[in-house]
Amino acid sequence: MSVAAGDIEAALAAALAPTALEVQDDSHLHAGHTGAREGRHFSVRIASKRFEGLARVARHRLVYDALRSLMPRGIHALAIDARVPDEP
């Protein structure tokens, strides 16, 4: 079963209690790309208080941890913009 943007939204909402969340399926932009056969491409914009005091890499790790069960279901690429609420 292939993963959908709604699956990602639900997993991130449950794990990180975001104040803002946007998940976009960018797969159509990567048609013909070798990795496109291996899964879908997504962009995630998320703001959460859980990111306070964390460096960018640590924030991304929290996102990947929240999506651990979905990764083998067809996420090939994930672009992450993770911020704390009110961060520009």
PDB file of N, CA and C in Angstrom:
ATOM      1  N   MET A   1       0.847  -1.188   0.000  1.00  0.00           N
ATOM      2  CA  MET A   1       0.000   0.000   0.000  1.00  0.00           C
ATOM      3  C   MET A   1       0.886   1.244   0.000  1.00  0.00           C
ATOM      4  N   SER A   2       0.606   2.175  -0.862  1.00  0.00           N
ATOM      5  CA  SER A   2       1.379   3.396  -1.000  1.00  0.00           C
ATOM      6  C   SER A   2       0.952   4.424   0.040  1.00  0.00           C
ATOM      7  N   VAL A   3       1.911   5.178   0.521  1.00  0.00           N
ATOM      8  CA  VAL A   3       1.645   6.212   1.509  1.00  0.00           C
ATOM      9  C   VAL A   3       1.076   7.452   0.809  1.00  0.00           C
ATOM     10  N   ALA A   4       0.197   8.163   1.499  1.00  0.00           N
ATOM     11  CA  ALA A   4      -0.417   9.383   0.980  1.00  0.00           C
ATOM     12  C   ALA A   4      -0.113  10.540   1.923  1.00  0.00           C
ATOM     13  N   ALA A   5      -0.300  11.753   1.448  1.00  0.00           N
ATOM     14  CA  ALA A   5      -0.045  12.935   2.257  1.00  0.00           C
ATOM     15  C   ALA A   5      -0.848  12.896   3.559  1.00  0.00           C
ATOM     16  N   GLY A   6      -2.071  12.402   3.494  1.00  0.00           N
ATOM     17  CA  GLY A   6      -2.907  12.314   4.700  1.00  0.00           C
ATOM     18  C   GLY A   6      -2.320  11.385   5.749  1.00  0.00           C
ATOM     19  N   ASP A   7      -1.655  10.321   5.327  1.00  0.00           N
ATOM     20  CA  ASP A   7      -0.990   9.412   6.261  1.00  0.00           C
ATOM     21  C   ASP A   7       0.135  10.132   6.989  1.00  0.00           C
ATOM     22  N   ILE A   8       0.894  10.923   6.248  1.00  0.00           N
ATOM     23  CA  ILE A   8       1.996  11.679   6.838  1.00  0.00           C
ATOM     24  C   ILE A   8       1.462  12.716   7.806  1.00  0.00           C
ATOM     25  N   GLU A   9       0.416  13.428   7.407  1.00  0.00           N
ATOM     26  CA  GLU A   9      -0.196  14.429   8.281  1.00  0.00           C
ATOM     27  C   GLU A   9      -0.660  13.803   9.587  1.00  0.00           C
ATOM     28  N   ALA A  10      -1.326  12.674   9.516  1.00  0.00           N
ATOM     29  CA  ALA A  10      -1.842  12.016  10.718  1.00  0.00           C
ATOM     30  C   ALA A  10      -0.711  11.584  11.644  1.00  0.00           C
ATOM     31  N   ALA A  11       0.346  11.023  11.085  1.00  0.00           N
ATOM     32  CA  ALA A  11       1.468  10.562  11.904  1.00  0.00           C
ATOM     33  C   ALA A  11       2.177  11.733  12.578  1.00  0.00           C
ATOM     34  N   LEU A  12       2.386  12.813  11.846  1.00  0.00           N
ATOM     35  CA  LEU A  12       3.053  13.975  12.422  1.00  0.00           C
ATOM     36  C   LEU A  12       2.180  14.668  13.464  1.00  0.00           C
ATOM     37  N   ALA A  13       0.890  14.746  13.203  1.00  0.00           N
ATOM     38  CA  ALA A  13      -0.021  15.354  14.168  1.00  0.00           C
ATOM     39  C   ALA A  13      -0.023  14.581  15.485  1.00  0.00           C
ATOM     40  N   ALA A  14      -0.045  13.268  15.399  1.00  0.00           N
ATOM     41  CA  ALA A  14      -0.070  12.434  16.600  1.00  0.00           C
ATOM     42  C   ALA A  14       1.237  12.522  17.384  1.00  0.00           C
ATOM     43  N   ALA A  15       2.357  12.573  16.686  1.00  0.00           N
ATOM     44  CA  ALA A  15       3.657  12.524  17.357  1.00  0.00           C
ATOM     45  C   ALA A  15       4.168  13.884  17.831  1.00  0.00           C
ATOM     46  N   LEU A  16       3.845  14.943  17.093  1.00  0.00           N
ATOM     47  CA  LEU A  16       4.491  16.224  17.365  1.00  0.00           C
ATOM     48  C   LEU A  16       3.539  17.359  17.732  1.00  0.00           C
ATOM     49  N   ALA A  17       2.255  17.108  17.766  1.00  0.00           N
ATOM     50  CA  ALA A  17       1.258  18.132  18.130  1.00  0.00           C
ATOM     51  C   ALA A  17       1.582  19.482  17.479  1.00  0.00           C
ATOM     52  N   PRO A  18       1.637  19.526  16.166  1.00  0.00           N
ATOM     53  CA  PRO A  18       2.040  20.764  15.494  1.00  0.00           C
ATOM     54  C   PRO A  18       1.016  21.885  15.638  1.00  0.00           C
ATOM     55  N   THR A  19       1.530  23.113  15.610  1.00  0.00           N
ATOM     56  CA  THR A  19       0.654  24.282  15.573  1.00  0.00           C
ATOM     57  C   THR A  19       0.350  24.658  14.129  1.00  0.00           C
ATOM     58  N   ALA A  20       1.175  24.185  13.211  1.00  0.00           N
ATOM     59  CA  ALA A  20       0.954  24.364  11.776  1.00  0.00           C
ATOM     60  C   ALA A  20       1.539  23.146  11.068  1.00  0.00           C
ATOM     61  N   LEU A  21       0.840  22.677  10.042  1.00  0.00           N
ATOM     62  CA  LEU A  21       1.307  21.500   9.319  1.00  0.00           C
ATOM     63  C   LEU A  21       0.793  21.541   7.890  1.00  0.00           C
ATOM     64  N   GLU A  22       1.716  21.363   6.953  1.00  0.00           N
ATOM     65  CA  GLU A  22       1.365  21.285   5.538  1.00  0.00           C
ATOM     66  C   GLU A  22       2.206  20.181   4.905  1.00  0.00           C
ATOM     67  N   VAL A  23       1.538  19.237   4.272  1.00  0.00           N
ATOM     68  CA  VAL A  23       2.228  18.166   3.567  1.00  0.00           C
ATOM     69  C   VAL A  23       1.805  18.219   2.115  1.00  0.00           C
ATOM     70  N   GLN A  24       2.780  18.243   1.235  1.00  0.00           N
ATOM     71  CA  GLN A  24       2.511  18.333  -0.197  1.00  0.00           C
ATOM     72  C   GLN A  24       3.147  17.160  -0.909  1.00  0.00           C
ATOM     73  N   ASP A  25       2.403  16.516  -1.774  1.00  0.00           N
ATOM     74  CA  ASP A  25       2.929  15.436  -2.599  1.00  0.00           C
ATOM     75  C   ASP A  25       3.557  16.059  -3.845  1.00  0.00           C
ATOM     76  N   ASP A  26       4.873  15.959  -3.941  1.00  0.00           N
ATOM     77  CA  ASP A  26       5.610  16.538  -5.063  1.00  0.00           C
ATOM     78  C   ASP A  26       5.999  15.494  -6.102  1.00  0.00           C
ATOM     79  N   SER A  27       5.424  14.334  -6.039  1.00  0.00           N
ATOM     80  CA  SER A  27       5.822  13.228  -6.910  1.00  0.00           C
ATOM     81  C   SER A  27       5.736  13.589  -8.392  1.00  0.00           C
ATOM     82  N   HIS A  28       4.723  14.357  -8.767  1.00  0.00           N
ATOM     83  CA  HIS A  28       4.559  14.712 -10.176  1.00  0.00           C
ATOM     84  C   HIS A  28       5.742  15.521 -10.718  1.00  0.00           C
ATOM     85  N   LEU A  29       6.470  16.193  -9.829  1.00  0.00           N
ATOM     86  CA  LEU A  29       7.627  16.980 -10.242  1.00  0.00           C
ATOM     87  C   LEU A  29       8.849  16.110 -10.519  1.00  0.00           C
ATOM     88  N   HIS A  30       8.770  14.844 -10.125  1.00  0.00           N
ATOM     89  CA  HIS A  30       9.916  13.948 -10.248  1.00  0.00           C
ATOM     90  C   HIS A  30       9.648  12.784 -11.197  1.00  0.00           C
ATOM     91  N   ALA A  31       8.635  12.907 -12.014  1.00  0.00           N
ATOM     92  CA  ALA A  31       8.326  11.851 -12.981  1.00  0.00           C
ATOM     93  C   ALA A  31       9.544  11.618 -13.868  1.00  0.00           C
ATOM     94  N   GLY A  32       9.894  10.363 -14.053  1.00  0.00           N
ATOM     95  CA  GLY A  32      11.050  10.013 -14.855  1.00  0.00           C
ATOM     96  C   GLY A  32      12.327   9.889 -14.056  1.00  0.00           C
ATOM     97  N   HIS A  33      12.356  10.441 -12.856  1.00  0.00           N
ATOM     98  CA  HIS A  33      13.506  10.332 -11.967  1.00  0.00           C
ATOM     99  C   HIS A  33      13.631   8.883 -11.506  1.00  0.00           C
ATOM    100  N   THR A  34      14.826   8.367 -11.439  1.00  0.00           N
ATOM    101  CA  THR A  34      15.048   6.964 -11.070  1.00  0.00           C
ATOM    102  C   THR A  34      14.345   6.610  -9.772  1.00  0.00           C
ATOM    103  N   GLY A  35      14.452   7.456  -8.769  1.00  0.00           N
ATOM    104  CA  GLY A  35      13.845   7.178  -7.473  1.00  0.00           C
ATOM    105  C   GLY A  35      12.334   7.211  -7.479  1.00  0.00           C
ATOM    106  N   ALA A  36      11.736   7.793  -8.506  1.00  0.00           N
ATOM    107  CA  ALA A  36      10.275   7.885  -8.564  1.00  0.00           C
ATOM    108  C   ALA A  36       9.638   6.503  -8.595  1.00  0.00           C
ATOM    109  N   ARG A  37      10.371   5.523  -9.102  1.00  0.00           N
ATOM    110  CA  ARG A  37       9.836   4.157  -9.119  1.00  0.00           C
ATOM    111  C   ARG A  37       9.859   3.533  -7.722  1.00  0.00           C
ATOM    112  N   GLU A  38      10.708   4.082  -6.848  1.00  0.00           N
ATOM    113  CA  GLU A  38      10.876   3.523  -5.505  1.00  0.00           C
ATOM    114  C   GLU A  38       9.915   4.116  -4.490  1.00  0.00           C
ATOM    115  N   GLY A  39       9.243   5.186  -4.817  1.00  0.00           N
ATOM    116  CA  GLY A  39       8.313   5.799  -3.874  1.00  0.00           C
ATOM    117  C   GLY A  39       7.990   7.226  -4.256  1.00  0.00           C
ATOM    118  N   ARG A  40       7.243   7.862  -3.376  1.00  0.00           N
ATOM    119  CA  ARG A  40       6.743   9.210  -3.634  1.00  0.00           C
ATOM    120  C   ARG A  40       7.649  10.264  -2.999  1.00  0.00           C
ATOM    121  N   HIS A  41       7.563  11.485  -3.491  1.00  0.00           N
ATOM    122  CA  HIS A  41       8.319  12.626  -2.988  1.00  0.00           C
ATOM    123  C   HIS A  41       7.334  13.562  -2.264  1.00  0.00           C
ATOM    124  N   PHE A  42       7.700  13.986  -1.073  1.00  0.00           N
ATOM    125  CA  PHE A  42       6.839  14.872  -0.288  1.00  0.00           C
ATOM    126  C   PHE A  42       7.632  16.045   0.261  1.00  0.00           C
ATOM    127  N   SER A  43       6.924  17.170   0.466  1.00  0.00           N
ATOM    128  CA  SER A  43       7.448  18.326   1.182  1.00  0.00           C
ATOM    129  C   SER A  43       6.616  18.481   2.442  1.00  0.00           C
ATOM    130  N   VAL A  44       7.284  18.737   3.558  1.00  0.00           N
ATOM    131  CA  VAL A  44       6.612  18.908   4.841  1.00  0.00           C
ATOM    132  C   VAL A  44       7.030  20.241   5.433  1.00  0.00           C
ATOM    133  N   ARG A  45       6.047  21.046   5.781  1.00  0.00           N
ATOM    134  CA  ARG A  45       6.264  22.277   6.556  1.00  0.00           C
ATOM    135  C   ARG A  45       5.542  22.070   7.870  1.00  0.00           C
ATOM    136  N   ILE A  46       6.287  22.142   8.968  1.00  0.00           N
ATOM    137  CA  ILE A  46       5.706  21.856  10.265  1.00  0.00           C
ATOM    138  C   ILE A  46       6.273  22.811  11.312  1.00  0.00           C
ATOM    139  N   ALA A  47       5.394  23.279  12.187  1.00  0.00           N
ATOM    140  CA  ALA A  47       5.795  24.079  13.344  1.00  0.00           C
ATOM    141  C   ALA A  47       5.298  23.356  14.583  1.00  0.00           C
ATOM    142  N   SER A  48       6.191  23.189  15.550  1.00  0.00           N
ATOM    143  CA  SER A  48       5.832  22.479  16.780  1.00  0.00           C
ATOM    144  C   SER A  48       6.687  22.978  17.933  1.00  0.00           C
ATOM    145  N   LYS A  49       6.095  23.062  19.106  1.00  0.00           N
ATOM    146  CA  LYS A  49       6.844  23.426  20.302  1.00  0.00           C
ATOM    147  C   LYS A  49       7.875  22.363  20.650  1.00  0.00           C
ATOM    148  N   ARG A  50       7.681  21.144  20.145  1.00  0.00           N
ATOM    149  CA  ARG A  50       8.648  20.069  20.386  1.00  0.00           C
ATOM    150  C   ARG A  50      10.019  20.380  19.784  1.00  0.00           C
ATOM    151  N   PHE A  51      10.092  21.324  18.870  1.00  0.00           N
ATOM    152  CA  PHE A  51      11.353  21.665  18.221  1.00  0.00           C
ATOM    153  C   PHE A  51      12.151  22.728  18.985  1.00  0.00           C
ATOM    154  N   GLU A  52      11.563  23.306  20.026  1.00  0.00           N
ATOM    155  CA  GLU A  52      12.236  24.381  20.761  1.00  0.00           C
ATOM    156  C   GLU A  52      13.564  23.901  21.319  1.00  0.00           C
ATOM    157  N   GLY A  53      14.603  24.702  21.081  1.00  0.00           N
ATOM    158  CA  GLY A  53      15.927  24.406  21.591  1.00  0.00           C
ATOM    159  C   GLY A  53      16.691  23.352  20.811  1.00  0.00           C
ATOM    160  N   LEU A  54      16.108  22.850  19.716  1.00  0.00           N
ATOM    161  CA  LEU A  54      16.749  21.802  18.929  1.00  0.00           C
ATOM    162  C   LEU A  54      17.356  22.374  17.655  1.00  0.00           C
ATOM    163  N   ALA A  55      18.496  21.831  17.285  1.00  0.00           N
ATOM    164  CA  ALA A  55      19.131  22.188  16.012  1.00  0.00           C
ATOM    165  C   ALA A  55      18.325  21.583  14.868  1.00  0.00           C
ATOM    166  N   ARG A  56      18.598  22.044  13.678  1.00  0.00           N
ATOM    167  CA  ARG A  56      17.872  21.585  12.485  1.00  0.00           C
ATOM    168  C   ARG A  56      17.918  20.064  12.334  1.00  0.00           C
ATOM    169  N   VAL A  57      19.075  19.471  12.516  1.00  0.00           N
ATOM    170  CA  VAL A  57      19.205  18.018  12.355  1.00  0.00           C
ATOM    171  C   VAL A  57      18.348  17.278  13.383  1.00  0.00           C
ATOM    172  N   ALA A  58      18.318  17.748  14.606  1.00  0.00           N
ATOM    173  CA  ALA A  58      17.505  17.106  15.652  1.00  0.00           C
ATOM    174  C   ALA A  58      16.013  17.237  15.334  1.00  0.00           C
ATOM    175  N   ARG A  59      15.614  18.359  14.777  1.00  0.00           N
ATOM    176  CA  ARG A  59      14.213  18.540  14.381  1.00  0.00           C
ATOM    177  C   ARG A  59      13.849  17.541  13.292  1.00  0.00           C
ATOM    178  N   HIS A  60      14.726  17.386  12.312  1.00  0.00           N
ATOM    179  CA  HIS A  60      14.478  16.439  11.223  1.00  0.00           C
ATOM    180  C   HIS A  60      14.410  15.011  11.754  1.00  0.00           C
ATOM    181  N   ARG A  61      15.240  14.690  12.727  1.00  0.00           N
ATOM    182  CA  ARG A  61      15.198  13.348  13.316  1.00  0.00           C
ATOM    183  C   ARG A  61      13.838  13.069  13.950  1.00  0.00           C
ATOM    184  N   LEU A  62      13.269  14.070  14.627  1.00  0.00           N
ATOM    185  CA  LEU A  62      11.942  13.888  15.218  1.00  0.00           C
ATOM    186  C   LEU A  62      10.899  13.620  14.140  1.00  0.00           C
ATOM    187  N   VAL A  63      10.999  14.314  13.025  1.00  0.00           N
ATOM    188  CA  VAL A  63      10.059  14.096  11.924  1.00  0.00           C
ATOM    189  C   VAL A  63      10.231  12.677  11.370  1.00  0.00           C
ATOM    190  N   TYR A  64      11.468  12.285  11.111  1.00  0.00           N
ATOM    191  CA  TYR A  64      11.719  10.931  10.591  1.00  0.00           C
ATOM    192  C   TYR A  64      11.279   9.865  11.586  1.00  0.00           C
ATOM    193  N   ASP A  65      11.488  10.092  12.879  1.00  0.00           N
ATOM    194  CA  ASP A  65      11.039   9.132  13.895  1.00  0.00           C
ATOM    195  C   ASP A  65       9.520   8.980  13.843  1.00  0.00           C
ATOM    196  N   ALA A  66       8.816  10.094  13.665  1.00  0.00           N
ATOM    197  CA  ALA A  66       7.353  10.060  13.608  1.00  0.00           C
ATOM    198  C   ALA A  66       6.856   9.306  12.373  1.00  0.00           C
ATOM    199  N   LEU A  67       7.665   9.291  11.319  1.00  0.00           N
ATOM    200  CA  LEU A  67       7.265   8.667  10.057  1.00  0.00           C
ATOM    201  C   LEU A  67       7.902   7.290   9.849  1.00  0.00           C
ATOM    202  N   ARG A  68       8.572   6.784  10.861  1.00  0.00           N
ATOM    203  CA  ARG A  68       9.318   5.520  10.733  1.00  0.00           C
ATOM    204  C   ARG A  68       8.479   4.392  10.124  1.00  0.00           C
ATOM    205  N   SER A  69       7.250   4.222  10.561  1.00  0.00           N
ATOM    206  CA  SER A  69       6.428   3.117  10.046  1.00  0.00           C
ATOM    207  C   SER A  69       5.943   3.359   8.620  1.00  0.00           C
ATOM    208  N   LEU A  70       5.954   4.616   8.175  1.00  0.00           N
ATOM    209  CA  LEU A  70       5.488   4.938   6.819  1.00  0.00           C
ATOM    210  C   LEU A  70       6.603   4.883   5.774  1.00  0.00           C
ATOM    211  N   MET A  71       7.836   5.039   6.201  1.00  0.00           N
ATOM    212  CA  MET A  71       8.946   5.101   5.248  1.00  0.00           C
ATOM    213  C   MET A  71       8.992   3.885   4.314  1.00  0.00           C
ATOM    214  N   PRO A  72       8.866   2.670   4.821  1.00  0.00           N
ATOM    215  CA  PRO A  72       8.931   1.522   3.915  1.00  0.00           C
ATOM    216  C   PRO A  72       7.708   1.371   3.013  1.00  0.00           C
ATOM    217  N   ARG A  73       6.674   2.159   3.267  1.00  0.00           N
ATOM    218  CA  ARG A  73       5.458   2.078   2.451  1.00  0.00           C
ATOM    219  C   ARG A  73       5.529   2.951   1.206  1.00  0.00           C
ATOM    220  N   GLY A  74       6.661   3.572   0.948  1.00  0.00           N
ATOM    221  CA  GLY A  74       6.775   4.282  -0.314  1.00  0.00           C
ATOM    222  C   GLY A  74       7.146   5.740  -0.246  1.00  0.00           C
ATOM    223  N   ILE A  75       7.830   6.178   0.809  1.00  0.00           N
ATOM    224  CA  ILE A  75       8.361   7.539   0.823  1.00  0.00           C
ATOM    225  C   ILE A  75       9.790   7.453   0.312  1.00  0.00           C
ATOM    226  N   HIS A  76      10.029   8.019  -0.859  1.00  0.00           N
ATOM    227  CA  HIS A  76      11.377   8.006  -1.422  1.00  0.00           C
ATOM    228  C   HIS A  76      12.162   9.243  -0.988  1.00  0.00           C
ATOM    229  N   ALA A  77      11.499  10.397  -0.984  1.00  0.00           N
ATOM    230  CA  ALA A  77      12.173  11.644  -0.635  1.00  0.00           C
ATOM    231  C   ALA A  77      11.257  12.505   0.216  1.00  0.00           C
ATOM    232  N   LEU A  78      11.883  13.226   1.153  1.00  0.00           N
ATOM    233  CA  LEU A  78      11.133  14.057   2.077  1.00  0.00           C
ATOM    234  C   LEU A  78      11.897  15.362   2.279  1.00  0.00           C
ATOM    235  N   ALA A  79      11.322  16.470   1.842  1.00  0.00           N
ATOM    236  CA  ALA A  79      11.893  17.798   2.084  1.00  0.00           C
ATOM    237  C   ALA A  79      11.211  18.345   3.331  1.00  0.00           C
ATOM    238  N   ILE A  80      11.996  18.719   4.336  1.00  0.00           N
ATOM    239  CA  ILE A  80      11.443  19.109   5.631  1.00  0.00           C
ATOM    240  C   ILE A  80      11.797  20.553   5.955  1.00  0.00           C
ATOM    241  N   ASP A  81      10.788  21.321   6.333  1.00  0.00           N
ATOM    242  CA  ASP A  81      10.955  22.656   6.897  1.00  0.00           C
ATOM    243  C   ASP A  81      10.324  22.585   8.279  1.00  0.00           C
ATOM    244  N   ALA A  82      11.159  22.424   9.312  1.00  0.00           N
ATOM    245  CA  ALA A  82      10.674  22.238  10.691  1.00  0.00           C
ATOM    246  C   ALA A  82      11.052  23.448  11.527  1.00  0.00           C
ATOM    247  N   ARG A  83      10.045  24.085  12.095  1.00  0.00           N
ATOM    248  CA  ARG A  83      10.263  25.320  12.875  1.00  0.00           C
ATOM    249  C   ARG A  83       9.500  25.267  14.183  1.00  0.00           C
ATOM    250  N   VAL A  84       9.862  26.161  15.087  1.00  0.00           N
ATOM    251  CA  VAL A  84       9.060  26.343  16.281  1.00  0.00           C
ATOM    252  C   VAL A  84       7.984  27.374  15.923  1.00  0.00           C
ATOM    253  N   PRO A  85       6.866  27.380  16.658  1.00  0.00           N
ATOM    254  CA  PRO A  85       5.824  28.363  16.364  1.00  0.00           C
ATOM    255  C   PRO A  85       6.404  29.788  16.425  1.00  0.00           C
ATOM    256  N   ASP A  86       5.973  30.633  15.548  1.00  0.00           N
ATOM    257  CA  ASP A  86       6.395  32.034  15.446  1.00  0.00           C
ATOM    258  C   ASP A  86       7.825  32.212  14.948  1.00  0.00           C
ATOM    259  N   GLU A  87       8.492  31.154  14.523  1.00  0.00           N
ATOM    260  CA  GLU A  87       9.827  31.279  13.939  1.00  0.00           C
ATOM    261  C   GLU A  87       9.660  31.708  12.485  1.00  0.00           C
ATOM    262  N   PRO A  88      10.405  32.727  12.073  1.00  0.00           N
ATOM    263  CA  PRO A  88      10.257  33.202  10.686  1.00  0.00           C
ATOM    264  C   PRO A  88      10.724  32.176   9.665  1.00  0.00           C
TER     265      PRO A  88
END
